[in-house]
């Protein structure tokens, strides 16, 4: 197992619940969010330029769109920001007590958007597939905290986290359909809860550990081979970015910490951590 200990602070911030790092290749920037702060952040590592947009409601994820603009997984549904900055709902489905959480874009360009109840009640969340024309289909309907979702480089496997299960599960995936759900890895007691994930070019699965202060890499056979240890416990998600997709960006949270570390809530980066896979933009 190879430990990584060197990280840099890409953006020093005090996000309440930093989440969802995503590389926007067309714009050469990183997108990330503060769920409970209802903020959408952008960061250009080349120039250091940053922006922060305050939203009207909690946001679970943001992804680039193929035609420009962004798709947002919001408390009350999935919405589009057009290149001219206009807003419109693609799928509007407000449910009292429920909010959006993590989301990912599949190889076919569809958005797989997760939800959860604010009280994290078992069965209160879902995972749904939304296409560019607004077609919505619930894929999983018995979820507590829908979190990390990602596909193997060939698109034949989908990895998925429902955090309270303390597992990363894997499905067979074909044409937007899932089958044969099975455990991929379990997180042992005392190591935290699996949160966000990303897949690298070797098909390895990188998992952020909430209350575990680490990001782990598991090989395709489920063996643990890399650990990035971080000084703040609430590590939420990770994604490869930069022009060559070799830098691992990591989001963190301050929520619930009595004495947060100075980097809690910041966007961190481990340069040269591996090699990511180019992500499809949302086809809508």
Protein backbone atom coordinates (compact mmCIF):
# COMPACT_ATOMS: atom_id res chain seq x y z
CA UNK A 1 0.00 0.00 0.00
CA UNK A 2 1.33 3.43 -0.95
CA UNK A 3 0.60 6.33 1.44
CA UNK A 4 0.32 9.90 0.19
CA UNK A 5 0.79 12.68 2.71
CA UNK A 6 1.48 15.76 0.60
CA UNK A 7 -1.48 17.90 -0.32
CA UNK A 8 -1.86 21.54 -1.27
CA UNK A 9 -4.71 23.92 -0.51
CA UNK A 10 -6.16 24.84 -3.90
CA UNK A 11 -8.84 27.15 -2.48
CA UNK A 12 -8.82 28.15 1.15
CA UNK A 13 -12.46 28.37 2.17
CA UNK A 14 -14.82 27.69 5.03
CA UNK A 15 -17.48 25.70 3.21
CA UNK A 16 -20.06 24.26 5.56
CA UNK A 17 -20.39 21.14 3.41
CA UNK A 18 -17.96 21.29 0.50
CA UNK A 19 -18.76 18.63 -2.09
CA UNK A 20 -18.84 17.49 -5.69
CA UNK A 21 -15.52 18.45 -7.35
CA UNK A 22 -15.88 18.15 -11.13
CA UNK A 23 -13.41 19.07 -13.86
CA UNK A 24 -14.95 21.23 -16.59
CA UNK A 25 -12.61 20.42 -19.46
CA UNK A 26 -14.18 22.85 -21.93
CA UNK A 27 -13.52 25.78 -19.59
CA UNK A 28 -10.33 24.51 -17.92
CA UNK A 29 -11.75 24.94 -14.45
CA UNK A 30 -12.91 22.98 -11.44
CA UNK A 31 -16.53 23.15 -10.28
CA UNK A 32 -17.44 22.43 -6.68
CA UNK A 33 -20.21 23.28 -4.26
CA UNK A 34 -21.13 24.01 -0.67
CA UNK A 35 -24.36 22.07 -0.22
CA UNK A 36 -25.64 23.71 2.96
CA UNK A 37 -24.14 27.08 2.08
CA UNK A 38 -26.06 26.96 -1.24
CA UNK A 39 -22.94 28.09 -3.10
CA UNK A 40 -21.53 27.14 -6.48
CA UNK A 41 -17.76 27.61 -6.74
CA UNK A 42 -15.46 27.66 -9.76
CA UNK A 43 -11.67 27.57 -9.69
CA UNK A 44 -9.20 27.97 -12.57
CA UNK A 45 -5.91 26.40 -11.47
CA UNK A 46 -4.02 28.07 -14.31
CA UNK A 47 -4.86 31.64 -13.37
CA UNK A 48 -6.09 31.15 -9.81
CA UNK A 49 -9.35 32.88 -10.75
CA UNK A 50 -12.30 31.96 -8.54
CA UNK A 51 -16.01 32.68 -8.58
CA UNK A 52 -18.76 32.05 -6.03
CA UNK A 53 -22.46 32.08 -6.90
CA UNK A 54 -25.08 32.06 -4.13
CA UNK A 55 -28.15 30.02 -5.02
CA UNK A 56 -31.74 30.18 -3.82
CA UNK A 57 -31.73 26.64 -2.38
CA UNK A 58 -29.41 23.84 -1.35
CA UNK A 59 -27.43 22.23 -4.16
CA UNK A 60 -26.22 18.62 -4.28
CA UNK A 61 -24.11 18.62 -7.45
CA UNK A 62 -23.13 20.60 -10.54
CA UNK A 63 -21.91 19.25 -13.89
CA UNK A 64 -20.98 20.85 -17.23
CA UNK A 65 -23.30 20.48 -20.22
CA UNK A 66 -22.31 19.47 -23.72
CA UNK A 67 -23.78 22.61 -25.25
CA UNK A 68 -22.41 24.96 -22.62
CA UNK A 69 -23.85 25.96 -19.30
CA UNK A 70 -24.40 23.73 -16.29
CA UNK A 71 -26.83 21.17 -14.91
CA UNK A 72 -27.65 21.48 -11.20
CA UNK A 73 -28.97 18.86 -8.80
CA UNK A 74 -31.01 21.09 -6.49
CA UNK A 75 -33.23 20.57 -3.47
CA UNK A 76 -36.39 20.74 -5.59
CA UNK A 77 -35.17 18.92 -8.70
CA UNK A 78 -32.74 19.11 -11.60
CA UNK A 79 -32.27 22.46 -13.34
CA UNK A 80 -30.26 23.95 -16.18
CA UNK A 81 -28.14 27.08 -16.28
CA UNK A 82 -27.85 28.14 -19.89
CA UNK A 83 -24.73 29.80 -21.32
CA UNK A 84 -26.53 33.18 -21.08
CA UNK A 85 -26.99 32.49 -17.33
CA UNK A 86 -30.75 31.93 -17.58
CA UNK A 87 -32.29 29.30 -15.29
CA UNK A 88 -34.94 26.68 -16.08
CA UNK A 89 -36.15 23.46 -14.49
CA UNK A 90 -35.52 20.20 -16.34
CA UNK A 91 -37.22 18.01 -13.74
CA UNK A 92 -39.07 19.76 -10.90
CA UNK A 93 -40.01 17.45 -8.01
CA UNK A 94 -39.99 19.15 -4.59
CA UNK A 95 -40.49 16.73 -1.69
CA UNK A 96 -40.82 18.16 1.84
CA UNK A 97 -37.88 17.17 4.03
CA UNK A 98 -35.77 15.93 1.11
CA UNK A 99 -32.81 17.48 -0.67
CA UNK A 100 -30.44 16.72 -3.52
CA UNK A 101 -27.08 15.08 -2.93
CA UNK A 102 -24.30 13.75 -5.14
CA UNK A 103 -24.75 13.17 -8.88
CA UNK A 104 -22.71 11.89 -11.81
CA UNK A 105 -22.87 11.87 -15.59
CA UNK A 106 -22.94 8.42 -17.21
CA UNK A 107 -21.00 7.49 -20.35
CA UNK A 108 -24.16 8.11 -22.41
CA UNK A 109 -24.46 11.69 -21.12
CA UNK A 110 -27.40 11.09 -18.76
CA UNK A 111 -27.37 12.51 -15.24
CA UNK A 112 -27.68 10.09 -12.31
CA UNK A 113 -28.91 12.29 -9.48
CA UNK A 114 -29.16 11.29 -5.84
CA UNK A 115 -31.43 12.55 -3.08
CA UNK A 116 -31.68 12.09 0.69
CA UNK A 117 -33.83 13.27 3.56
CA UNK A 118 -32.40 15.97 5.76
CA UNK A 119 -32.82 13.59 8.71
CA UNK A 120 -31.07 10.81 6.73
CA UNK A 121 -34.00 8.44 7.31
CA UNK A 122 -33.49 5.00 5.72
CA UNK A 123 -35.44 4.67 2.47
CA UNK A 124 -36.01 8.41 2.21
CA UNK A 125 -33.64 8.92 -0.71
CA UNK A 126 -33.44 7.88 -4.34
CA UNK A 127 -31.09 7.59 -7.29
CA UNK A 128 -32.64 8.69 -10.60
CA UNK A 129 -31.57 8.88 -14.24
CA UNK A 130 -32.43 12.08 -16.13
CA UNK A 131 -31.81 12.55 -19.83
CA UNK A 132 -31.36 15.79 -21.75
CA UNK A 133 -35.03 15.95 -22.75
CA UNK A 134 -36.11 15.76 -19.10
CA UNK A 135 -37.09 12.08 -19.08
CA UNK A 136 -36.83 10.91 -15.47
CA UNK A 137 -36.60 7.32 -14.19
CA UNK A 138 -36.00 6.25 -10.58
CA UNK A 139 -33.25 3.65 -10.56
CA UNK A 140 -33.00 3.02 -6.81
CA UNK A 141 -35.80 3.94 -4.40
CA UNK A 142 -34.65 2.53 -1.05
CA UNK A 143 -31.69 4.76 -0.24
CA UNK A 144 -30.69 6.65 2.90
CA UNK A 145 -27.82 8.92 1.78
CA UNK A 146 -27.25 8.65 -1.97
CA UNK A 147 -23.61 9.46 -2.57
CA UNK A 148 -20.65 8.57 -4.81
CA UNK A 149 -21.53 7.22 -8.26
CA UNK A 150 -19.12 6.39 -11.08
CA UNK A 151 -18.48 4.09 -14.02
CA UNK A 152 -15.55 1.88 -14.98
CA UNK A 153 -13.51 3.16 -17.94
CA UNK A 154 -15.34 0.78 -20.30
CA UNK A 155 -18.75 1.77 -18.88
CA UNK A 156 -19.70 -1.83 -18.04
CA UNK A 157 -19.64 -1.40 -14.25
CA UNK A 158 -21.23 1.25 -12.05
CA UNK A 159 -19.97 1.87 -8.51
CA UNK A 160 -22.34 3.35 -5.95
CA UNK A 161 -22.36 4.44 -2.31
CA UNK A 162 -25.28 4.66 0.09
CA UNK A 163 -23.16 6.01 2.94
CA UNK A 164 -24.80 4.45 6.03
CA UNK A 165 -24.26 0.95 4.57
CA UNK A 166 -20.48 1.55 4.90
CA UNK A 167 -20.05 -0.16 1.53
CA UNK A 168 -19.16 0.64 -2.02
CA UNK A 169 -21.40 -1.51 -4.20
CA UNK A 170 -20.94 -2.39 -7.85
CA UNK A 171 -23.52 -3.15 -10.54
CA UNK A 172 -23.31 -4.44 -14.06
CA UNK A 173 -24.33 -1.57 -16.34
CA UNK A 174 -25.65 -1.66 -19.88
CA UNK A 175 -27.61 0.99 -21.78
CA UNK A 176 -28.66 2.83 -18.64
CA UNK A 177 -29.84 -0.35 -16.88
CA UNK A 178 -28.34 -1.91 -13.75
CA UNK A 179 -28.18 -5.54 -12.66
CA UNK A 180 -26.42 -7.84 -10.19
CA UNK A 181 -25.79 -5.46 -7.30
CA UNK A 182 -23.00 -6.76 -5.08
CA UNK A 183 -20.55 -5.42 -2.48
CA UNK A 184 -17.26 -4.12 -3.88
CA UNK A 185 -15.58 -3.07 -0.61
CA UNK A 186 -16.68 -2.46 2.96
CA UNK A 187 -15.30 0.25 5.23
CA UNK A 188 -14.26 -1.09 8.62
CA UNK A 189 -15.45 0.32 11.93
CA UNK A 190 -13.51 3.40 12.98
CA UNK A 191 -12.44 4.33 9.43
CA UNK A 192 -15.37 6.61 8.69
CA UNK A 193 -18.16 6.38 6.12
CA UNK A 194 -17.75 6.26 2.32
CA UNK A 195 -18.90 9.50 0.69
CA UNK A 196 -17.90 10.58 -2.84
CA UNK A 197 -15.87 8.53 -5.31
CA UNK A 198 -14.06 8.75 -8.61
CA UNK A 199 -12.62 6.19 -11.03
CA UNK A 200 -9.16 6.44 -12.55
CA UNK A 201 -7.81 5.30 -15.92
CA UNK A 202 -6.70 1.97 -14.41
CA UNK A 203 -10.23 1.26 -13.24
CA UNK A 204 -9.31 1.87 -9.61
CA UNK A 205 -11.90 3.41 -7.28
CA UNK A 206 -10.93 6.39 -5.11
CA UNK A 207 -13.23 6.82 -2.09
CA UNK A 208 -13.49 9.85 0.23
CA UNK A 209 -14.08 8.92 3.87
CA UNK A 210 -16.39 11.12 5.93
CA UNK A 211 -15.13 11.14 9.52
CA UNK A 212 -12.17 9.11 8.26
CA UNK A 213 -9.83 11.96 7.29
CA UNK A 214 -8.66 10.13 4.17
CA UNK A 215 -9.12 9.21 0.54
CA UNK A 216 -8.48 5.57 -0.36
CA UNK A 217 -7.79 3.92 -3.69
CA UNK A 218 -9.03 0.40 -4.30
CA UNK A 219 -7.91 -1.69 -7.27
CA UNK A 220 -10.56 -3.32 -9.50
CA UNK A 221 -10.37 -6.51 -7.41
CA UNK A 222 -11.16 -4.55 -4.22
CA UNK A 223 -7.64 -4.42 -2.79
CA UNK A 224 -6.61 -1.27 -0.93
CA UNK A 225 -3.37 0.09 -2.38
CA UNK A 226 -3.22 3.89 -1.80
CA UNK A 227 -4.23 6.08 1.13
CA UNK A 228 -4.17 9.88 1.24
CA UNK A 229 -4.26 10.99 4.87
CA UNK A 230 -5.67 14.46 5.54
CA UNK A 231 -5.73 16.59 8.70
CA UNK A 232 -9.47 17.21 8.75
CA UNK A 233 -11.92 14.35 9.33
CA UNK A 234 -14.84 15.32 7.12
CA UNK A 235 -13.53 14.46 3.67
CA UNK A 236 -16.43 14.45 1.24
CA UNK A 237 -15.48 13.79 -2.40
CA UNK A 238 -12.64 13.63 -4.92
CA UNK A 239 -12.12 14.02 -8.67
CA UNK A 240 -9.22 14.24 -11.10
CA UNK A 241 -8.64 17.55 -12.81
CA UNK A 242 -6.07 19.74 -14.50
CA UNK A 243 -5.12 19.70 -18.20
CA UNK A 244 -3.77 16.13 -17.99
CA UNK A 245 -6.27 14.88 -15.38
CA UNK A 246 -3.43 13.98 -13.02
CA UNK A 247 -4.27 16.15 -10.01
CA UNK A 248 -6.71 14.82 -7.45
CA UNK A 249 -9.03 17.52 -6.06
CA UNK A 250 -10.65 16.83 -2.69
CA UNK A 251 -13.53 18.64 -1.00
CA UNK A 252 -13.98 18.89 2.78
CA UNK A 253 -16.59 20.06 5.29
CA UNK A 254 -16.77 21.99 8.57
CA UNK A 255 -20.30 21.08 9.58
CA UNK A 256 -20.54 19.47 13.01
CA UNK A 257 -16.91 20.06 13.99
CA UNK A 258 -16.39 21.77 17.35
CA UNK A 259 -12.81 22.81 16.59
CA UNK A 260 -12.30 22.56 12.81
CA UNK A 261 -8.81 22.32 11.38
CA UNK A 262 -7.79 25.43 9.38
CA UNK A 263 -8.25 23.54 6.09
CA UNK A 264 -11.71 22.19 6.95
CA UNK A 265 -14.11 23.44 4.28
CA UNK A 266 -11.30 24.10 1.78
CA UNK A 267 -10.68 22.59 -1.64
CA UNK A 268 -7.50 20.51 -1.46
CA UNK A 269 -5.37 19.02 -4.23
CA UNK A 270 -2.81 16.23 -4.46
CA UNK A 271 -0.72 16.95 -7.57
CA UNK A 272 0.24 13.95 -9.66
CA UNK A 273 -1.84 11.50 -7.65
CA UNK A 274 -2.83 9.42 -10.68
CA UNK A 275 -4.54 9.61 -14.04
CA UNK A 276 -8.23 10.33 -14.34
CA UNK A 277 -10.73 9.50 -17.05
CA UNK A 278 -12.27 12.26 -19.17
CA UNK A 279 -15.86 12.76 -18.02
CA UNK A 280 -18.79 13.13 -20.36
CA UNK A 281 -20.69 16.41 -20.04
CA UNK A 282 -24.42 16.22 -19.54
CA UNK A 283 -26.15 15.75 -22.89
CA UNK A 284 -28.71 18.47 -22.44
